[in-house]
Amino acid sequence: MKKYLFTLVIAAMAFAISNAQAHTGSSAPKKIVKKAAHHKAAPTANTGDEKEPDISKSLATDFHCELGNNVTIYKNAGDDKSIALRWHKKLHALERVGTTTGAIRFENRTLGLVWIGIPAKSMLLDSNKGQQLANECKTAEQMVAKPAAVPAIGLMATKS
């Protein structure tokens, strides 16, 4: 038994030494190539002369969001391509962007505002800064609590 153990230890050491020697061989030095820096286009500064959308004939929908934020969406009955969005007492025009997920998405690329609506909630994002401005935005109808699902009688079996 000792003979086999000794042979096994010697074989393992020989394998480790040969493996270590294979990795210590120096290869040709690698050339470091610096790539030209790709600069992002600077976002256009909001000069404040953005034309305010006309909301005189629009239907308003109020959204109440987390952290006490409020957003109001103004939509014309015949126009599903654009909306007006009131955020922090300022009115912004947003254009609809197609999605593959079924979510409703409107953007103002100049300001970086993105409004996304799904059946459960909506959210307002700032794509320039990469952050959420308002989340869990819901209308009064969406805030109404749905009754809890009642389990079927067969699922409420108790042990006696």
N, C-alpha and C. Protein backbone atom coordinates (compact mmCIF):
# COMPACT_ATOMS: atom_id res chain seq x y z
N MET A 1 0.82 -1.19 0.00
CA MET A 1 0.00 0.00 0.00
C MET A 1 0.87 1.26 0.00
N LYS A 2 1.94 1.25 0.84
CA LYS A 2 2.83 2.40 0.90
C LYS A 2 3.51 2.62 -0.44
N LYS A 3 3.79 1.52 -1.13
CA LYS A 3 4.46 1.61 -2.42
C LYS A 3 3.57 2.35 -3.42
N TYR A 4 2.28 2.04 -3.44
CA TYR A 4 1.35 2.70 -4.35
C TYR A 4 1.15 4.17 -3.98
N LEU A 5 1.09 4.43 -2.69
CA LEU A 5 0.92 5.80 -2.23
C LEU A 5 2.14 6.64 -2.62
N PHE A 6 3.36 6.08 -2.40
CA PHE A 6 4.59 6.79 -2.76
C PHE A 6 4.63 7.06 -4.26
N THR A 7 4.24 6.08 -5.08
CA THR A 7 4.24 6.23 -6.53
C THR A 7 3.23 7.30 -6.95
N LEU A 8 2.09 7.31 -6.31
CA LEU A 8 1.06 8.29 -6.62
C LEU A 8 1.53 9.71 -6.29
N VAL A 9 2.21 9.89 -5.15
CA VAL A 9 2.72 11.20 -4.76
C VAL A 9 3.78 11.67 -5.74
N ILE A 10 4.69 10.80 -6.13
CA ILE A 10 5.75 11.15 -7.09
C ILE A 10 5.13 11.54 -8.43
N ALA A 11 4.13 10.79 -8.89
CA ALA A 11 3.48 11.08 -10.17
C ALA A 11 2.77 12.44 -10.12
N ALA A 12 2.12 12.74 -9.01
CA ALA A 12 1.43 14.02 -8.87
C ALA A 12 2.42 15.17 -8.87
N MET A 13 3.56 15.01 -8.19
CA MET A 13 4.57 16.07 -8.17
C MET A 13 5.17 16.27 -9.56
N ALA A 14 5.41 15.18 -10.27
CA ALA A 14 5.97 15.29 -11.62
C ALA A 14 4.97 16.00 -12.55
N PHE A 15 3.71 15.67 -12.41
CA PHE A 15 2.69 16.33 -13.22
C PHE A 15 2.62 17.82 -12.90
N ALA A 16 2.68 18.18 -11.63
CA ALA A 16 2.60 19.59 -11.23
C ALA A 16 3.81 20.37 -11.74
N ILE A 17 5.00 19.75 -11.68
CA ILE A 17 6.21 20.44 -12.15
C ILE A 17 6.16 20.64 -13.66
N SER A 18 5.74 19.60 -14.39
CA SER A 18 5.69 19.74 -15.85
C SER A 18 4.63 20.75 -16.27
N ASN A 19 3.53 20.79 -15.55
CA ASN A 19 2.47 21.75 -15.84
C ASN A 19 2.94 23.17 -15.54
N ALA A 20 3.67 23.37 -14.46
CA ALA A 20 4.17 24.69 -14.09
C ALA A 20 5.20 25.17 -15.11
N GLN A 21 6.06 24.28 -15.60
CA GLN A 21 7.06 24.66 -16.59
C GLN A 21 6.40 25.06 -17.91
N ALA A 22 5.30 24.43 -18.24
CA ALA A 22 4.61 24.75 -19.48
C ALA A 22 4.04 26.17 -19.44
N HIS A 23 3.66 26.64 -18.27
CA HIS A 23 3.08 27.97 -18.15
C HIS A 23 4.11 29.07 -17.96
N THR A 24 5.33 28.74 -17.56
CA THR A 24 6.32 29.79 -17.33
C THR A 24 7.04 30.22 -18.59
N GLY A 25 6.89 29.51 -19.66
CA GLY A 25 7.53 29.90 -20.92
C GLY A 25 7.00 31.25 -21.37
N SER A 26 7.92 32.16 -21.67
CA SER A 26 7.48 33.50 -22.04
C SER A 26 7.06 33.51 -23.50
N SER A 27 5.95 34.15 -23.75
CA SER A 27 5.48 34.29 -25.12
C SER A 27 5.93 35.66 -25.62
N ALA A 28 5.69 35.90 -26.89
CA ALA A 28 6.07 37.19 -27.47
C ALA A 28 5.33 38.30 -26.74
N PRO A 29 5.99 39.41 -26.48
CA PRO A 29 5.31 40.50 -25.78
C PRO A 29 4.12 41.01 -26.60
N LYS A 30 3.05 41.27 -25.89
CA LYS A 30 1.84 41.73 -26.56
C LYS A 30 1.94 43.22 -26.81
N LYS A 31 1.48 43.60 -27.99
CA LYS A 31 1.47 45.01 -28.32
C LYS A 31 0.19 45.63 -27.76
N ILE A 32 0.34 46.76 -27.14
CA ILE A 32 -0.81 47.47 -26.61
C ILE A 32 -1.23 48.51 -27.63
N VAL A 33 -2.45 48.35 -28.09
CA VAL A 33 -2.98 49.28 -29.08
C VAL A 33 -4.07 50.09 -28.41
N LYS A 34 -3.89 51.39 -28.41
CA LYS A 34 -4.91 52.26 -27.82
C LYS A 34 -5.93 52.59 -28.89
N LYS A 35 -7.18 52.40 -28.52
CA LYS A 35 -8.26 52.71 -29.45
C LYS A 35 -8.62 54.18 -29.31
N ALA A 36 -9.07 54.72 -30.41
CA ALA A 36 -9.51 56.12 -30.38
C ALA A 36 -10.73 56.23 -29.49
N ALA A 37 -10.76 57.24 -28.67
CA ALA A 37 -11.87 57.44 -27.75
C ALA A 37 -13.12 57.84 -28.51
N HIS A 38 -14.20 57.17 -28.19
CA HIS A 38 -15.49 57.50 -28.79
C HIS A 38 -16.24 58.38 -27.81
N HIS A 39 -16.47 59.58 -28.18
CA HIS A 39 -17.17 60.51 -27.31
C HIS A 39 -18.64 60.51 -27.65
N LYS A 40 -19.46 60.50 -26.61
CA LYS A 40 -20.90 60.61 -26.82
C LYS A 40 -21.22 62.02 -27.25
N ALA A 41 -22.22 62.10 -28.08
CA ALA A 41 -22.66 63.43 -28.48
C ALA A 41 -23.23 64.14 -27.26
N ALA A 42 -22.83 65.35 -27.07
CA ALA A 42 -23.30 66.10 -25.92
C ALA A 42 -24.80 66.34 -26.06
N PRO A 43 -25.55 66.07 -24.98
CA PRO A 43 -26.99 66.31 -25.08
C PRO A 43 -27.26 67.78 -25.30
N THR A 44 -28.27 68.01 -26.09
CA THR A 44 -28.60 69.41 -26.38
C THR A 44 -29.13 70.06 -25.12
N ALA A 45 -28.65 71.21 -24.84
CA ALA A 45 -29.05 71.92 -23.63
C ALA A 45 -30.46 72.45 -23.80
N ASN A 46 -31.22 72.35 -22.73
CA ASN A 46 -32.57 72.88 -22.76
C ASN A 46 -32.49 74.38 -22.56
N THR A 47 -32.75 75.12 -23.60
CA THR A 47 -32.62 76.57 -23.52
C THR A 47 -33.90 77.22 -23.04
N GLY A 48 -34.93 76.43 -22.80
CA GLY A 48 -36.17 76.98 -22.28
C GLY A 48 -37.08 77.52 -23.36
N ASP A 49 -36.67 77.46 -24.63
CA ASP A 49 -37.54 77.98 -25.69
C ASP A 49 -38.28 76.85 -26.39
N GLU A 50 -38.48 75.73 -25.68
CA GLU A 50 -39.27 74.65 -26.22
C GLU A 50 -40.73 75.10 -26.25
N LYS A 51 -41.38 74.85 -27.36
CA LYS A 51 -42.76 75.29 -27.53
C LYS A 51 -43.67 74.45 -26.63
N GLU A 52 -44.46 75.12 -25.81
CA GLU A 52 -45.36 74.44 -24.90
C GLU A 52 -46.56 73.91 -25.68
N PRO A 53 -46.94 72.64 -25.46
CA PRO A 53 -48.05 72.06 -26.22
C PRO A 53 -49.39 72.69 -25.82
N ASP A 54 -50.32 72.69 -26.78
CA ASP A 54 -51.67 73.22 -26.54
C ASP A 54 -52.52 72.13 -25.91
N ILE A 55 -53.01 72.37 -24.69
CA ILE A 55 -53.80 71.37 -23.98
C ILE A 55 -55.26 71.80 -23.82
N SER A 56 -55.67 72.82 -24.55
CA SER A 56 -57.02 73.37 -24.38
C SER A 56 -58.12 72.35 -24.72
N LYS A 57 -57.88 71.45 -25.66
CA LYS A 57 -58.89 70.46 -26.07
C LYS A 57 -58.50 69.05 -25.65
N SER A 58 -57.66 68.94 -24.66
CA SER A 58 -57.13 67.63 -24.26
C SER A 58 -57.85 67.09 -23.03
N LEU A 59 -57.85 65.78 -22.92
CA LEU A 59 -58.39 65.08 -21.76
C LEU A 59 -57.24 64.86 -20.78
N ALA A 60 -57.40 65.29 -19.54
CA ALA A 60 -56.33 65.18 -18.54
C ALA A 60 -56.52 63.92 -17.69
N THR A 61 -55.40 63.24 -17.41
CA THR A 61 -55.39 62.09 -16.52
C THR A 61 -54.32 62.33 -15.48
N ASP A 62 -54.72 62.30 -14.20
CA ASP A 62 -53.77 62.53 -13.11
C ASP A 62 -53.23 61.20 -12.61
N PHE A 63 -51.92 61.17 -12.39
CA PHE A 63 -51.25 60.00 -11.84
C PHE A 63 -50.62 60.40 -10.51
N HIS A 64 -50.82 59.56 -9.50
CA HIS A 64 -50.19 59.77 -8.20
C HIS A 64 -49.10 58.71 -8.07
N CYS A 65 -47.88 59.17 -7.75
CA CYS A 65 -46.71 58.30 -7.78
C CYS A 65 -46.11 58.16 -6.38
N GLU A 66 -45.10 57.30 -6.29
CA GLU A 66 -44.35 57.14 -5.05
C GLU A 66 -43.72 58.47 -4.64
N LEU A 67 -43.43 58.58 -3.38
CA LEU A 67 -42.74 59.74 -2.80
C LEU A 67 -43.52 61.04 -3.00
N GLY A 68 -44.83 60.95 -3.17
CA GLY A 68 -45.66 62.14 -3.29
C GLY A 68 -45.58 62.86 -4.62
N ASN A 69 -44.97 62.26 -5.61
CA ASN A 69 -44.88 62.89 -6.94
C ASN A 69 -46.21 62.76 -7.67
N ASN A 70 -46.50 63.74 -8.50
CA ASN A 70 -47.70 63.74 -9.33
C ASN A 70 -47.33 64.05 -10.77
N VAL A 71 -48.00 63.37 -11.69
CA VAL A 71 -47.81 63.57 -13.13
C VAL A 71 -49.20 63.69 -13.74
N THR A 72 -49.37 64.62 -14.66
CA THR A 72 -50.63 64.75 -15.39
C THR A 72 -50.34 64.56 -16.87
N ILE A 73 -51.13 63.70 -17.49
CA ILE A 73 -51.00 63.41 -18.92
C ILE A 73 -52.19 64.05 -19.63
N TYR A 74 -51.92 64.79 -20.70
CA TYR A 74 -52.96 65.40 -21.53
C TYR A 74 -52.93 64.72 -22.88
N LYS A 75 -54.11 64.21 -23.30
CA LYS A 75 -54.18 63.46 -24.55
C LYS A 75 -55.37 63.95 -25.37
N ASN A 76 -55.13 64.18 -26.65
CA ASN A 76 -56.22 64.53 -27.56
C ASN A 76 -56.91 63.26 -28.03
N ALA A 77 -58.22 63.32 -28.20
CA ALA A 77 -59.01 62.13 -28.54
C ALA A 77 -58.57 61.51 -29.87
N GLY A 78 -58.28 62.30 -30.87
CA GLY A 78 -57.94 61.76 -32.18
C GLY A 78 -56.46 61.54 -32.40
N ASP A 79 -55.63 61.81 -31.41
CA ASP A 79 -54.18 61.74 -31.60
C ASP A 79 -53.57 60.78 -30.59
N ASP A 80 -53.15 59.60 -31.06
CA ASP A 80 -52.48 58.66 -30.16
C ASP A 80 -50.97 58.65 -30.37
N LYS A 81 -50.47 59.58 -31.18
CA LYS A 81 -49.03 59.65 -31.48
C LYS A 81 -48.28 60.58 -30.54
N SER A 82 -48.99 61.43 -29.80
CA SER A 82 -48.30 62.36 -28.91
C SER A 82 -49.16 62.66 -27.69
N ILE A 83 -48.48 63.06 -26.61
CA ILE A 83 -49.15 63.48 -25.38
C ILE A 83 -48.42 64.70 -24.85
N ALA A 84 -49.06 65.38 -23.93
CA ALA A 84 -48.40 66.44 -23.17
C ALA A 84 -48.32 65.93 -21.74
N LEU A 85 -47.20 66.16 -21.09
CA LEU A 85 -46.96 65.66 -19.75
C LEU A 85 -46.59 66.82 -18.84
N ARG A 86 -47.31 66.95 -17.72
CA ARG A 86 -46.98 67.99 -16.75
C ARG A 86 -46.20 67.33 -15.61
N TRP A 87 -44.96 67.82 -15.45
CA TRP A 87 -44.07 67.31 -14.41
C TRP A 87 -43.40 68.50 -13.75
N HIS A 88 -43.55 68.64 -12.47
CA HIS A 88 -42.99 69.76 -11.70
C HIS A 88 -43.39 71.11 -12.29
N LYS A 89 -44.67 71.27 -12.54
CA LYS A 89 -45.25 72.53 -13.02
C LYS A 89 -44.78 72.95 -14.41
N LYS A 90 -44.16 72.03 -15.15
CA LYS A 90 -43.74 72.31 -16.52
C LYS A 90 -44.45 71.34 -17.46
N LEU A 91 -44.84 71.84 -18.61
CA LEU A 91 -45.54 71.04 -19.60
C LEU A 91 -44.58 70.66 -20.73
N HIS A 92 -44.52 69.37 -21.02
CA HIS A 92 -43.59 68.85 -22.03
C HIS A 92 -44.36 68.04 -23.07
N ALA A 93 -43.95 68.14 -24.32
CA ALA A 93 -44.53 67.35 -25.40
C ALA A 93 -43.71 66.08 -25.57
N LEU A 94 -44.39 64.93 -25.66
CA LEU A 94 -43.74 63.64 -25.87
C LEU A 94 -44.36 62.95 -27.07
N GLU A 95 -43.53 62.26 -27.84
CA GLU A 95 -43.97 61.54 -29.03
C GLU A 95 -43.95 60.04 -28.76
N ARG A 96 -44.92 59.33 -29.33
CA ARG A 96 -45.02 57.89 -29.12
C ARG A 96 -43.89 57.16 -29.84
N VAL A 97 -43.36 56.13 -29.17
CA VAL A 97 -42.31 55.28 -29.72
C VAL A 97 -42.84 53.86 -29.68
N GLY A 98 -42.70 53.14 -30.78
CA GLY A 98 -43.18 51.76 -30.84
C GLY A 98 -42.35 50.83 -29.97
N THR A 99 -43.01 49.85 -29.38
CA THR A 99 -42.33 48.84 -28.57
C THR A 99 -42.78 47.46 -29.00
N THR A 100 -42.01 46.46 -28.66
CA THR A 100 -42.38 45.08 -28.97
C THR A 100 -43.03 44.41 -27.77
N THR A 101 -43.00 45.06 -26.61
CA THR A 101 -43.52 44.46 -25.39
C THR A 101 -44.99 44.75 -25.14
N GLY A 102 -45.55 45.68 -25.86
CA GLY A 102 -46.94 46.06 -25.63
C GLY A 102 -47.08 47.23 -24.67
N ALA A 103 -45.99 47.67 -24.09
CA ALA A 103 -46.03 48.84 -23.21
C ALA A 103 -46.24 50.09 -24.05
N ILE A 104 -46.86 51.09 -23.44
CA ILE A 104 -47.04 52.38 -24.11
C ILE A 104 -45.84 53.24 -23.73
N ARG A 105 -45.13 53.76 -24.73
CA ARG A 105 -43.90 54.51 -24.48
C ARG A 105 -43.93 55.82 -25.26
N PHE A 106 -43.70 56.91 -24.54
CA PHE A 106 -43.61 58.24 -25.14
C PHE A 106 -42.28 58.84 -24.74
N GLU A 107 -41.64 59.58 -25.66
CA GLU A 107 -40.33 60.16 -25.39
C GLU A 107 -40.26 61.61 -25.84
N ASN A 108 -39.45 62.38 -25.14
CA ASN A 108 -39.01 63.70 -25.57
C ASN A 108 -37.49 63.59 -25.60
N ARG A 109 -36.95 63.34 -26.77
CA ARG A 109 -35.51 63.08 -26.89
C ARG A 109 -34.66 64.29 -26.55
N THR A 110 -35.20 65.49 -26.75
CA THR A 110 -34.44 66.70 -26.43
C THR A 110 -34.17 66.79 -24.94
N LEU A 111 -35.20 66.53 -24.14
CA LEU A 111 -35.07 66.61 -22.68
C LEU A 111 -34.68 65.28 -22.05
N GLY A 112 -34.83 64.19 -22.79
CA GLY A 112 -34.52 62.88 -22.24
C GLY A 112 -35.64 62.28 -21.41
N LEU A 113 -36.85 62.84 -21.50
CA LEU A 113 -37.97 62.31 -20.73
C LEU A 113 -38.56 61.10 -21.44
N VAL A 114 -38.88 60.06 -20.66
CA VAL A 114 -39.49 58.85 -21.18
C VAL A 114 -40.66 58.48 -20.26
N TRP A 115 -41.85 58.35 -20.81
CA TRP A 115 -43.03 57.93 -20.06
C TRP A 115 -43.40 56.54 -20.54
N ILE A 116 -43.43 55.57 -19.62
CA ILE A 116 -43.77 54.19 -19.95
C ILE A 116 -45.01 53.81 -19.17
N GLY A 117 -46.00 53.27 -19.88
CA GLY A 117 -47.23 52.84 -19.23
C GLY A 117 -47.51 51.38 -19.50
N ILE A 118 -47.78 50.64 -18.42
CA ILE A 118 -48.23 49.26 -18.51
C ILE A 118 -49.55 49.19 -17.74
N PRO A 119 -50.32 48.12 -17.88
CA PRO A 119 -51.62 48.10 -17.21
C PRO A 119 -51.56 48.29 -15.69
N ALA A 120 -50.52 47.85 -15.04
CA ALA A 120 -50.46 47.94 -13.57
C ALA A 120 -49.98 49.29 -13.07
N LYS A 121 -49.12 49.96 -13.82
CA LYS A 121 -48.55 51.23 -13.36
C LYS A 121 -47.89 51.94 -14.52
N SER A 122 -47.38 53.14 -14.24
CA SER A 122 -46.61 53.90 -15.23
C SER A 122 -45.40 54.48 -14.52
N MET A 123 -44.42 54.94 -15.31
CA MET A 123 -43.23 55.54 -14.72
C MET A 123 -42.65 56.59 -15.65
N LEU A 124 -41.97 57.56 -15.06
CA LEU A 124 -41.31 58.62 -15.80
C LEU A 124 -39.82 58.48 -15.57
N LEU A 125 -39.06 58.44 -16.67
CA LEU A 125 -37.62 58.24 -16.60
C LEU A 125 -36.89 59.41 -17.23
N ASP A 126 -35.65 59.62 -16.80
CA ASP A 126 -34.76 60.60 -17.41
C ASP A 126 -33.67 59.80 -18.11
N SER A 127 -33.74 59.69 -19.43
CA SER A 127 -32.76 58.88 -20.16
C SER A 127 -31.40 59.55 -20.24
N ASN A 128 -31.33 60.86 -20.08
CA ASN A 128 -30.03 61.54 -20.09
C ASN A 128 -29.23 61.22 -18.84
N LYS A 129 -29.90 61.18 -17.70
CA LYS A 129 -29.22 60.89 -16.43
C LYS A 129 -29.28 59.42 -16.07
N GLY A 130 -30.15 58.66 -16.75
CA GLY A 130 -30.28 57.24 -16.46
C GLY A 130 -30.92 56.97 -15.11
N GLN A 131 -31.96 57.72 -14.77
CA GLN A 131 -32.60 57.51 -13.48
C GLN A 131 -34.12 57.65 -13.58
N GLN A 132 -34.79 57.14 -12.56
CA GLN A 132 -36.24 57.26 -12.49
C GLN A 132 -36.59 58.60 -11.88
N LEU A 133 -37.57 59.26 -12.46
CA LEU A 133 -38.08 60.50 -11.89
C LEU A 133 -39.32 60.23 -11.06
N ALA A 134 -40.19 59.36 -11.55
CA ALA A 134 -41.41 59.00 -10.83
C ALA A 134 -41.72 57.55 -11.14
N ASN A 135 -42.00 56.76 -10.10
CA ASN A 135 -42.29 55.34 -10.28
C ASN A 135 -43.58 55.01 -9.55
N GLU A 136 -44.14 53.86 -9.89
CA GLU A 136 -45.40 53.41 -9.30
C GLU A 136 -46.49 54.46 -9.47
N CYS A 137 -46.56 55.07 -10.64
CA CYS A 137 -47.58 56.09 -10.93
C CYS A 137 -48.88 55.37 -11.30
N LYS A 138 -49.96 55.73 -10.61
CA LYS A 138 -51.24 55.08 -10.84
C LYS A 138 -52.35 56.11 -10.87
N THR A 139 -53.35 55.83 -11.69
CA THR A 139 -54.55 56.67 -11.72
C THR A 139 -55.43 56.27 -10.54
N ALA A 140 -56.49 57.03 -10.32
CA ALA A 140 -57.41 56.71 -9.22
C ALA A 140 -58.03 55.32 -9.42
N GLU A 141 -58.32 54.96 -10.67
CA GLU A 141 -58.89 53.64 -10.95
C GLU A 141 -57.90 52.53 -10.65
N GLN A 142 -56.63 52.75 -10.93
CA GLN A 142 -55.61 51.73 -10.67
C GLN A 142 -55.33 51.58 -9.18
N MET A 143 -55.60 52.63 -8.40
CA MET A 143 -55.33 52.58 -6.96
C MET A 143 -56.39 51.80 -6.19
N VAL A 144 -57.57 51.62 -6.77
CA VAL A 144 -58.62 50.89 -6.08
C VAL A 144 -58.14 49.47 -5.84
N ALA A 145 -58.15 49.07 -4.57
CA ALA A 145 -57.66 47.74 -4.22
C ALA A 145 -58.61 46.67 -4.73
N LYS A 146 -58.04 45.68 -5.37
CA LYS A 146 -58.84 44.57 -5.84
C LYS A 146 -59.04 43.60 -4.67
N PRO A 147 -60.21 42.95 -4.57
CA PRO A 147 -60.42 42.02 -3.47
C PRO A 147 -59.47 40.83 -3.60
N ALA A 148 -59.03 40.33 -2.46
CA ALA A 148 -58.11 39.20 -2.46
C ALA A 148 -58.82 37.98 -3.02
N ALA A 149 -58.08 37.18 -3.75
CA ALA A 149 -58.65 35.98 -4.34
C ALA A 149 -59.00 35.00 -3.22
N VAL A 150 -60.18 34.43 -3.29
CA VAL A 150 -60.62 33.47 -2.28
C VAL A 150 -60.23 32.09 -2.76
N PRO A 151 -59.50 31.32 -1.93
CA PRO A 151 -59.09 29.99 -2.36
C PRO A 151 -60.31 29.06 -2.48
N ALA A 152 -60.19 28.08 -3.33
CA ALA A 152 -61.26 27.12 -3.52
C ALA A 152 -61.47 26.32 -2.24
N ILE A 153 -62.68 25.79 -2.03
CA ILE A 153 -63.03 25.06 -0.81
C ILE A 153 -62.08 23.89 -0.61
N GLY A 154 -61.74 23.18 -1.66
CA GLY A 154 -60.88 22.01 -1.54
C GLY A 154 -59.47 22.35 -1.08
N LEU A 155 -59.03 23.59 -1.27
CA LEU A 155 -57.69 23.98 -0.88
C LEU A 155 -57.61 24.39 0.59
N MET A 156 -58.76 24.55 1.26
CA MET A 156 -58.75 25.00 2.64
C MET A 156 -58.92 23.83 3.60
N ALA A 157 -58.53 22.66 3.21
CA ALA A 157 -58.68 21.50 4.08
C ALA A 157 -57.82 21.66 5.31
N THR A 158 -58.39 21.35 6.46
CA THR A 158 -57.65 21.44 7.72
C THR A 158 -57.54 20.07 8.33
N LYS A 159 -56.49 19.87 9.09
CA LYS A 159 -56.30 18.59 9.78
C LYS A 159 -57.05 18.64 11.10
N SER A 160 -57.78 17.60 11.40
CA SER A 160 -58.52 17.55 12.66
C SER A 160 -57.92 16.53 13.57
